Amino acid sequence: MTAPQPPREVTERRDAARALLHSPFLTDGDALPLVRRHAAALKTTFATWLGYTLYVEPAFARLIKTPLTADAPTRPARRTAGGEFTPRTYVYLTLLSAALLAPQTGEQILVSALVEQVRADAATAQVTLDDSYADQRHLLAAFRQLIGWGVLEETAGSVAEWSERREEALLTIHRQMLPHLLARPLTYDDPMALLSAAPDVVEQPRRSLRRKLVENPLVRREDLTDAERDVLSRERTELTRVLDETFGLMLEVRAEGALAYDPDSEVTDLEFPGASTVRQAALLTVDELLARHTPKSGSTADVGGRAVPGVLCPWPEVGDVITGLSTRHGKAWGAEYVTDPARLQAEVVATLTAFGLATGTDAGLVLHPAAARHRPTVSQTPPRTRAQTRLIGDPDQVSLFDPETP
């Protein structure tokens, strides 16, 4: 017997909420009409469940989130090819955005004129720019980001052609979007306050827990407050229902922590392991290190003076594993990694850290028990449905280091 389907409006609201979680600055032609249709309900949903503010305009929707907590992974903007924005790229993005707000800038502008304005503003702010290939790449990435957000539109020609051959391009500016680029208003003397200033309200543990589960790839139990741990333990059924019905996320809880995952892999901004060399190397590194150490439930390691769930892998051992993997997989991996294992190690560690699967310490790399869920295995288990959970026994006692049985 087939399970009854939710009403169309419920499905549409969930799809719209998922689209906003994936793209907080939404200009997409397919998802935006859904957001506009259910704007009132979505504003209430995000404010009630996560403490977020939603602005919906005719041409875009902007989900304003609260500042990151200290334990949250950073999520920098990414280039088209997947690389992270560097501080230099952000400099160009900031200068471009400021130039678009200059009084003499009209609704359309030539790329060359906009770049001239950027250079003039940089000189005024005593920021040094140059015409090097590296700086041109940063500038192009900033242009593409604004185009992707819908702030700029390539009306004639393209910024890529201007960058490569200095062929002129005409850009249309959607100025109404510019004030919404920043997630917080510029009312602080210190720019860092944009990231760290706390809201003037007493945080509710239920809402803060939901927010951590929605935003973080992994929520470690030791990073939760006592009140949040109590909510996770006592109200798991209700929490599971809210996450599934509102955002289409499935809750999984283990002794060491919890995560809300998307079975359709649509909301996730980054996937692990993925197809890149670094992520494949990270997966194989985790597999080999866990095979060497064979951690069990209750294994702990020292991180910052406190014992946390995990296993410590000394840096020399991590280096040996990655060098060995580079040798074995040299034909399939990029030459830049095979000839530079130190670079590969740095990027592998950064990847595992970003996904909450490891923490770097002075002594070595501490693998969190959640890393064990990604070990390559051959499984004959029938596919699970959305209605099924992955909890085995008492989730507060089952460890991620323990093998999962169907």
Protein backbone atom coordinates (compact mmCIF):
# COMPACT_ATOMS: atom_id res chain seq x y z
CA MET A 1 0.00 0.00 0.00
CA THR A 2 1.41 3.41 -0.99
CA ALA A 3 1.82 6.05 1.69
CA PRO A 4 -0.50 9.05 1.23
CA GLN A 5 1.14 12.00 -0.47
CA PRO A 6 1.26 15.37 1.33
CA PRO A 7 -0.90 18.17 -0.10
CA ARG A 8 0.63 20.05 -3.01
CA GLU A 9 1.07 23.27 -1.01
CA VAL A 10 3.03 21.40 1.69
CA THR A 11 5.34 19.91 -0.93
CA GLU A 12 5.80 23.28 -2.60
CA ARG A 13 6.66 24.99 0.69
CA ARG A 14 9.21 22.31 1.50
CA ASP A 15 10.76 22.57 -1.96
CA ALA A 16 10.95 26.35 -1.61
CA ALA A 17 12.53 26.09 1.86
CA ARG A 18 15.11 23.62 0.53
CA ALA A 19 15.93 25.95 -2.35
CA LEU A 20 16.57 28.79 0.11
CA LEU A 21 18.78 26.62 2.31
CA HIS A 22 20.84 25.73 -0.75
CA SER A 23 20.91 29.28 -2.15
CA PRO A 24 20.21 31.95 0.50
CA PHE A 25 20.48 34.60 -2.24
CA LEU A 26 17.96 33.11 -4.66
CA THR A 27 17.39 34.41 -8.18
CA ASP A 28 16.63 31.05 -9.83
CA GLY A 29 13.74 31.16 -12.27
CA ASP A 30 12.23 27.82 -11.19
CA ALA A 31 12.43 28.10 -7.40
CA LEU A 32 11.75 31.82 -7.04
CA PRO A 33 8.05 31.65 -8.06
CA LEU A 34 7.52 28.99 -5.36
CA VAL A 35 9.17 31.20 -2.76
CA ARG A 36 7.06 34.18 -3.78
CA ARG A 37 3.86 32.11 -3.75
CA HIS A 38 4.49 30.88 -0.20
CA ALA A 39 6.38 33.92 1.08
CA ALA A 40 4.24 34.51 4.18
CA ALA A 41 4.41 30.90 5.35
CA LEU A 42 8.14 30.65 4.61
CA LYS A 43 8.90 33.82 6.58
CA THR A 44 7.11 32.32 9.58
CA THR A 45 8.79 28.94 9.12
CA PHE A 46 12.33 30.28 9.03
CA ALA A 47 11.74 32.76 11.86
CA THR A 48 10.10 30.15 14.11
CA TRP A 49 12.26 27.10 13.49
CA LEU A 50 15.68 28.64 12.77
CA GLY A 51 15.54 32.30 13.80
CA TYR A 52 16.26 33.49 10.23
CA THR A 53 14.80 36.48 8.39
CA LEU A 54 13.50 36.10 4.83
CA TYR A 55 13.13 38.98 2.38
CA VAL A 56 11.16 38.29 -0.80
CA GLU A 57 11.26 40.76 -3.69
CA PRO A 58 9.96 40.43 -7.27
CA ALA A 59 13.40 39.56 -8.68
CA PHE A 60 15.04 37.71 -5.78
CA ALA A 61 14.71 36.25 -2.29
CA ARG A 62 17.29 36.68 0.46
CA LEU A 63 17.52 34.46 3.54
CA ILE A 64 19.39 36.27 6.32
CA LYS A 65 21.00 33.82 8.72
CA THR A 66 22.35 34.36 12.21
CA PRO A 67 26.13 34.64 12.82
CA LEU A 68 28.11 31.41 12.82
CA THR A 69 28.95 29.79 16.13
CA ALA A 70 32.60 29.22 17.00
CA ASP A 71 32.37 25.49 16.23
CA ALA A 72 30.67 25.92 12.84
CA PRO A 73 32.68 25.22 9.68
CA THR A 74 33.30 28.21 7.44
CA ARG A 75 31.68 28.30 4.01
CA PRO A 76 33.62 30.62 1.74
CA ALA A 77 32.34 31.59 -1.69
CA ARG A 78 33.67 29.35 -4.44
CA ARG A 79 34.99 29.91 -7.93
CA THR A 80 33.27 28.34 -10.92
CA ALA A 81 35.94 25.62 -10.95
CA GLY A 82 35.28 24.86 -7.27
CA GLY A 83 38.21 26.57 -5.55
CA GLU A 84 37.56 28.71 -2.50
CA PHE A 85 37.64 32.50 -2.56
CA THR A 86 40.84 33.87 -1.06
CA PRO A 87 41.12 37.17 0.84
CA ARG A 88 42.34 38.73 -2.42
CA THR A 89 39.21 37.57 -4.26
CA TYR A 90 37.04 39.08 -1.54
CA VAL A 91 38.92 42.38 -1.95
CA TYR A 92 37.90 42.48 -5.62
CA LEU A 93 34.33 41.44 -4.79
CA THR A 94 34.06 44.26 -2.25
CA LEU A 95 35.57 46.85 -4.60
CA LEU A 96 33.29 45.79 -7.46
CA SER A 97 30.20 46.00 -5.25
CA ALA A 98 31.21 49.46 -4.01
CA ALA A 99 31.88 50.66 -7.58
CA LEU A 100 28.37 49.60 -8.60
CA LEU A 101 26.99 51.96 -5.95
CA ALA A 102 29.06 54.95 -7.11
CA PRO A 103 26.81 58.00 -7.86
CA GLN A 104 27.98 58.26 -11.48
CA THR A 105 27.27 54.58 -12.24
CA GLY A 106 24.12 54.13 -14.33
CA GLU A 107 21.91 51.11 -15.01
CA GLN A 108 24.41 49.81 -17.57
CA ILE A 109 28.17 50.05 -17.68
CA LEU A 110 31.09 48.85 -19.80
CA VAL A 111 33.41 46.38 -18.13
CA SER A 112 36.41 48.62 -18.79
CA ALA A 113 34.70 51.60 -17.11
CA LEU A 114 33.75 49.50 -14.10
CA VAL A 115 37.32 48.23 -13.74
CA GLU A 116 38.60 51.82 -13.91
CA GLN A 117 36.23 52.73 -11.07
CA VAL A 118 37.49 49.74 -9.07
CA ARG A 119 41.10 50.86 -9.50
CA ALA A 120 40.24 54.44 -8.52
CA ASP A 121 38.43 53.28 -5.38
CA ALA A 122 41.32 50.96 -4.51
CA ALA A 123 43.80 53.83 -4.79
CA THR A 124 41.62 55.97 -2.52
CA ALA A 125 41.46 53.15 0.03
CA GLN A 126 45.24 52.55 -0.35
CA VAL A 127 44.68 49.02 -1.65
CA THR A 128 47.36 47.93 -4.13
CA LEU A 129 46.12 46.24 -7.31
CA ASP A 130 48.12 45.08 -10.30
CA ASP A 131 47.66 43.54 -13.74
CA SER A 132 49.24 40.19 -12.91
CA TYR A 133 47.63 36.98 -14.12
CA ALA A 134 46.78 36.04 -10.53
CA ASP A 135 45.01 39.36 -9.89
CA GLN A 136 43.08 39.04 -13.15
CA ARG A 137 41.82 35.64 -11.99
CA HIS A 138 40.63 37.14 -8.69
CA LEU A 139 38.85 39.94 -10.56
CA LEU A 140 37.19 37.50 -12.97
CA ALA A 141 36.03 35.31 -10.06
CA ALA A 142 34.47 38.36 -8.38
CA PHE A 143 32.69 39.29 -11.62
CA ARG A 144 31.34 35.77 -12.01
CA GLN A 145 30.09 35.73 -8.43
CA LEU A 146 28.07 38.93 -8.96
CA ILE A 147 26.75 37.56 -12.25
CA GLY A 148 25.78 34.30 -10.54
CA TRP A 149 23.92 36.22 -7.85
CA GLY A 150 22.06 38.19 -10.51
CA VAL A 151 23.54 41.55 -9.47
CA LEU A 152 25.21 41.85 -12.88
CA GLU A 153 23.93 40.65 -16.24
CA GLU A 154 26.06 40.24 -19.35
CA THR A 155 23.99 42.18 -21.91
CA ALA A 156 26.53 42.22 -24.75
CA GLY A 157 29.82 40.35 -24.71
CA SER A 158 31.17 38.67 -21.58
CA VAL A 159 33.60 39.35 -18.76
CA ALA A 160 35.55 36.25 -19.81
CA GLU A 161 36.18 37.72 -23.28
CA TRP A 162 37.24 41.00 -21.70
CA SER A 163 39.60 39.17 -19.35
CA GLU A 164 41.17 37.07 -22.10
CA ARG A 165 41.26 39.46 -25.07
CA ARG A 166 40.13 42.82 -23.69
CA GLU A 167 37.02 42.64 -25.87
CA GLU A 168 34.53 45.13 -24.49
CA ALA A 169 31.36 43.92 -22.76
CA LEU A 170 28.23 45.73 -21.63
CA LEU A 171 26.82 44.89 -18.21
CA THR A 172 23.35 45.60 -16.82
CA ILE A 173 23.27 46.39 -13.09
CA HIS A 174 20.42 45.17 -10.88
CA ARG A 175 21.13 47.69 -8.15
CA GLN A 176 18.18 46.71 -5.94
CA MET A 177 20.05 43.53 -4.99
CA LEU A 178 23.22 45.21 -3.77
CA PRO A 179 22.00 46.22 -0.28
CA HIS A 180 21.12 42.57 0.37
CA LEU A 181 24.57 41.13 -0.35
CA LEU A 182 25.65 41.52 3.27
CA ALA A 183 23.90 39.27 5.74
CA ARG A 184 24.06 41.98 8.42
CA PRO A 185 23.79 45.79 8.28
CA LEU A 186 26.95 47.91 8.39
CA THR A 187 26.26 49.41 11.81
CA TYR A 188 29.42 48.26 13.57
CA ASP A 189 32.74 50.07 13.97
CA ASP A 190 34.67 46.81 13.72
CA PRO A 191 34.06 44.79 10.50
CA MET A 192 34.63 41.56 12.45
CA ALA A 193 31.46 42.37 14.40
CA LEU A 194 29.53 41.41 11.26
CA LEU A 195 30.58 37.83 11.95
CA SER A 196 30.64 37.70 15.72
CA ALA A 197 28.02 40.10 17.07
CA ALA A 198 25.42 38.15 19.02
CA PRO A 199 21.70 38.82 18.58
CA ASP A 200 20.00 40.74 21.40
CA VAL A 201 17.79 37.82 22.36
CA VAL A 202 18.14 34.82 24.64
CA GLU A 203 18.69 31.84 22.37
CA GLN A 204 16.23 28.96 22.60
CA PRO A 205 17.97 25.56 22.79
CA ARG A 206 15.42 23.94 20.48
CA ARG A 207 15.98 26.55 17.80
CA SER A 208 19.77 26.63 18.16
CA LEU A 209 19.90 22.83 17.91
CA ARG A 210 17.72 22.82 14.78
CA ARG A 211 19.95 25.49 13.26
CA LYS A 212 23.13 23.52 13.97
CA LEU A 213 21.63 20.40 12.44
CA VAL A 214 20.44 22.22 9.32
CA GLU A 215 23.68 24.15 8.74
CA ASN A 216 26.49 21.83 9.85
CA PRO A 217 27.65 18.63 8.15
CA LEU A 218 28.03 17.09 11.63
CA VAL A 219 26.96 18.18 15.10
CA ARG A 220 29.31 16.79 17.74
CA ARG A 221 27.71 15.97 21.05
CA GLU A 222 30.53 17.60 23.01
CA ASP A 223 29.86 20.89 21.20
CA LEU A 224 26.22 21.02 22.30
CA THR A 225 25.09 22.88 25.40
CA ASP A 226 23.47 20.89 28.21
CA ALA A 227 20.09 22.28 27.14
CA GLU A 228 20.65 21.26 23.50
CA ARG A 229 21.71 17.75 24.53
CA ASP A 230 18.55 17.48 26.61
CA VAL A 231 16.40 18.50 23.62
CA LEU A 232 18.20 16.00 21.38
CA SER A 233 17.55 13.22 23.88
CA ARG A 234 14.00 14.02 24.98
CA GLU A 235 12.47 15.48 21.82
CA ARG A 236 14.10 13.43 19.09
CA THR A 237 10.81 12.24 17.60
CA GLU A 238 9.46 15.78 17.23
CA LEU A 239 12.82 17.01 15.94
CA THR A 240 12.87 14.25 13.33
CA ARG A 241 9.36 15.18 12.18
CA VAL A 242 10.09 18.91 11.89
CA LEU A 243 13.31 18.42 9.93
CA ASP A 244 11.67 15.99 7.51
CA GLU A 245 8.36 17.81 6.96
CA THR A 246 9.84 21.30 6.79
CA PHE A 247 13.17 20.80 5.03
CA GLY A 248 13.17 17.20 3.74
CA LEU A 249 16.13 16.27 5.96
CA MET A 250 16.60 12.94 7.75
CA LEU A 251 17.95 12.91 11.30
CA GLU A 252 20.60 10.41 12.35
CA VAL A 253 21.79 10.25 15.94
CA ARG A 254 24.74 8.35 17.41
CA ALA A 255 26.57 8.33 20.72
CA GLU A 256 29.09 10.90 19.46
CA GLY A 257 26.70 13.32 17.78
CA ALA A 258 24.00 13.83 15.18
CA LEU A 259 23.48 15.01 11.64
CA ALA A 260 20.57 15.93 9.42
CA TYR A 261 21.25 14.69 5.90
CA ASP A 262 19.48 15.13 2.59
CA PRO A 263 18.72 11.73 1.01
CA ASP A 264 18.27 13.45 -2.36
CA SER A 265 21.62 15.32 -2.16
CA GLU A 266 20.00 18.55 -3.34
CA VAL A 267 20.37 20.82 -0.31
CA THR A 268 24.00 19.95 0.38
CA ASP A 269 26.36 22.64 -0.91
CA LEU A 270 29.35 20.26 -0.94
CA GLU A 271 29.40 16.49 -1.25
CA PHE A 272 31.80 14.03 0.34
CA PRO A 273 33.62 12.17 -0.99
CA GLY A 274 32.78 13.49 -4.47
CA ALA A 275 34.82 13.04 -7.61
CA SER A 276 37.78 15.38 -7.07
CA THR A 277 41.29 14.10 -6.45
CA VAL A 278 41.46 15.71 -3.01
CA ARG A 279 38.18 14.20 -1.81
CA GLN A 280 39.05 10.77 -3.16
CA ALA A 281 42.42 11.04 -1.41
CA ALA A 282 40.65 12.10 1.79
CA LEU A 283 38.35 9.07 1.59
CA LEU A 284 41.26 6.67 1.07
CA THR A 285 43.29 8.36 3.82
CA VAL A 286 40.44 7.90 6.30
CA ASP A 287 40.07 4.25 5.28
CA GLU A 288 43.76 3.44 5.74
CA LEU A 289 44.15 5.33 9.02
CA LEU A 290 41.09 3.66 10.53
CA ALA A 291 42.33 0.26 9.34
CA ARG A 292 45.63 0.88 11.13
CA HIS A 293 44.12 2.08 14.40
CA THR A 294 40.89 0.01 14.51
CA PRO A 295 39.14 2.37 16.97
CA LYS A 296 36.20 1.13 19.01
CA SER A 297 33.21 2.73 20.66
CA GLY A 298 34.41 5.00 23.45
CA SER A 299 37.77 5.84 21.82
CA THR A 300 38.85 9.38 22.72
CA ALA A 301 41.67 11.77 21.86
CA ASP A 302 42.89 15.06 23.30
CA VAL A 303 41.83 18.20 21.43
CA GLY A 304 42.57 21.52 23.07
CA GLY A 305 42.90 19.98 26.51
CA ARG A 306 39.64 18.03 26.48
CA ALA A 307 38.95 14.40 25.66
CA VAL A 308 36.70 14.11 22.60
CA PRO A 309 35.45 11.07 20.68
CA GLY A 310 37.99 10.11 18.05
CA VAL A 311 41.36 8.56 17.35
CA LEU A 312 44.70 10.38 17.10
CA CYS A 313 46.81 9.71 13.99
CA PRO A 314 50.31 11.25 14.35
CA TRP A 315 51.36 13.64 11.57
CA PRO A 316 54.26 11.45 10.34
CA GLU A 317 51.82 8.58 9.89
CA VAL A 318 49.34 10.81 8.03
CA GLY A 319 52.16 11.96 5.75
CA ASP A 320 53.28 8.38 5.08
CA VAL A 321 49.74 7.32 4.19
CA ILE A 322 49.20 10.20 1.77
CA THR A 323 52.61 9.75 0.14
CA GLY A 324 51.85 6.06 -0.35
CA LEU A 325 48.46 6.83 -1.85
CA SER A 326 50.07 9.35 -4.23
CA THR A 327 52.47 6.68 -5.43
CA ARG A 328 49.76 4.05 -5.93
CA HIS A 329 47.28 6.36 -7.65
CA GLY A 330 49.70 8.59 -9.53
CA LYS A 331 48.27 7.75 -12.95
CA ALA A 332 44.74 8.76 -11.95
CA TRP A 333 45.54 11.80 -9.82
CA GLY A 334 46.76 15.18 -10.99
CA ALA A 335 50.50 15.62 -11.38
CA GLU A 336 50.47 18.67 -9.09
CA TYR A 337 49.43 16.42 -6.19
CA VAL A 338 51.62 13.43 -7.01
CA THR A 339 54.74 15.59 -7.11
CA ASP A 340 53.75 17.59 -4.03
CA PRO A 341 52.37 15.27 -1.30
CA ALA A 342 52.64 18.09 1.26
CA ARG A 343 50.12 20.14 -0.72
CA LEU A 344 47.84 17.13 -1.06
CA GLN A 345 48.07 16.49 2.69
CA ALA A 346 47.17 20.10 3.49
CA GLU A 347 44.11 19.98 1.21
CA VAL A 348 43.03 16.56 2.51
CA VAL A 349 43.20 17.80 6.10
CA ALA A 350 41.30 20.99 5.16
CA THR A 351 38.60 18.90 3.45
CA LEU A 352 38.15 16.52 6.39
CA THR A 353 38.05 19.47 8.79
CA ALA A 354 35.45 21.33 6.69
CA PHE A 355 33.16 18.29 6.79
CA GLY A 356 33.60 17.89 10.55
CA LEU A 357 35.31 14.52 10.10
CA ALA A 358 38.67 15.45 11.61
CA THR A 359 40.49 18.03 13.72
CA GLY A 360 44.13 18.99 13.35
CA THR A 361 46.18 19.24 16.56
CA ASP A 362 49.89 19.73 17.32
CA ALA A 363 50.24 15.98 17.80
CA GLY A 364 48.39 14.86 14.70
CA LEU A 365 45.04 14.43 13.01
CA VAL A 366 42.11 13.38 15.21
CA LEU A 367 39.55 11.44 13.18
CA HIS A 368 36.00 11.84 14.47
CA PRO A 369 33.92 8.63 14.65
CA ALA A 370 31.74 10.03 11.85
CA ALA A 371 34.65 9.44 9.47
CA ALA A 372 34.01 5.71 9.78
CA ARG A 373 30.65 6.03 8.01
CA HIS A 374 32.51 6.90 4.79
CA ARG A 375 34.77 3.83 4.71
CA PRO A 376 34.40 2.08 1.33
CA THR A 377 32.29 -1.09 1.70
CA VAL A 378 30.42 -3.48 -0.57
CA SER A 379 26.80 -3.75 0.51
CA GLN A 380 23.92 -5.94 -0.64
CA THR A 381 21.41 -4.09 1.57
CA PRO A 382 18.15 -3.13 -0.20
CA PRO A 383 17.75 0.63 -0.70
CA ARG A 384 16.17 2.48 2.20
CA THR A 385 13.08 4.60 1.81
CA ARG A 386 12.56 8.09 3.21
CA ALA A 387 10.21 6.64 5.81
CA GLN A 388 12.93 4.43 7.27
CA THR A 389 15.48 5.69 9.77
CA ARG A 390 19.04 4.54 10.14
CA LEU A 391 18.97 4.29 13.92
CA ILE A 392 19.92 0.93 15.38
CA GLY A 393 18.99 0.17 18.98
CA ASP A 394 19.41 3.09 21.35
CA PRO A 395 21.00 5.86 19.23
CA ASP A 396 22.59 7.39 22.30
CA GLN A 397 24.60 4.20 22.78
CA VAL A 398 25.39 3.14 19.21
CA SER A 399 28.76 4.49 18.07
CA LEU A 400 29.75 5.59 14.60
CA PHE A 401 32.89 3.50 15.09
CA ASP A 402 30.72 0.38 15.40
CA PRO A 403 29.88 -1.43 12.14
CA GLU A 404 26.30 -0.78 11.06
CA THR A 405 24.18 -3.83 10.45
CA PRO A 406 21.13 -3.87 8.18
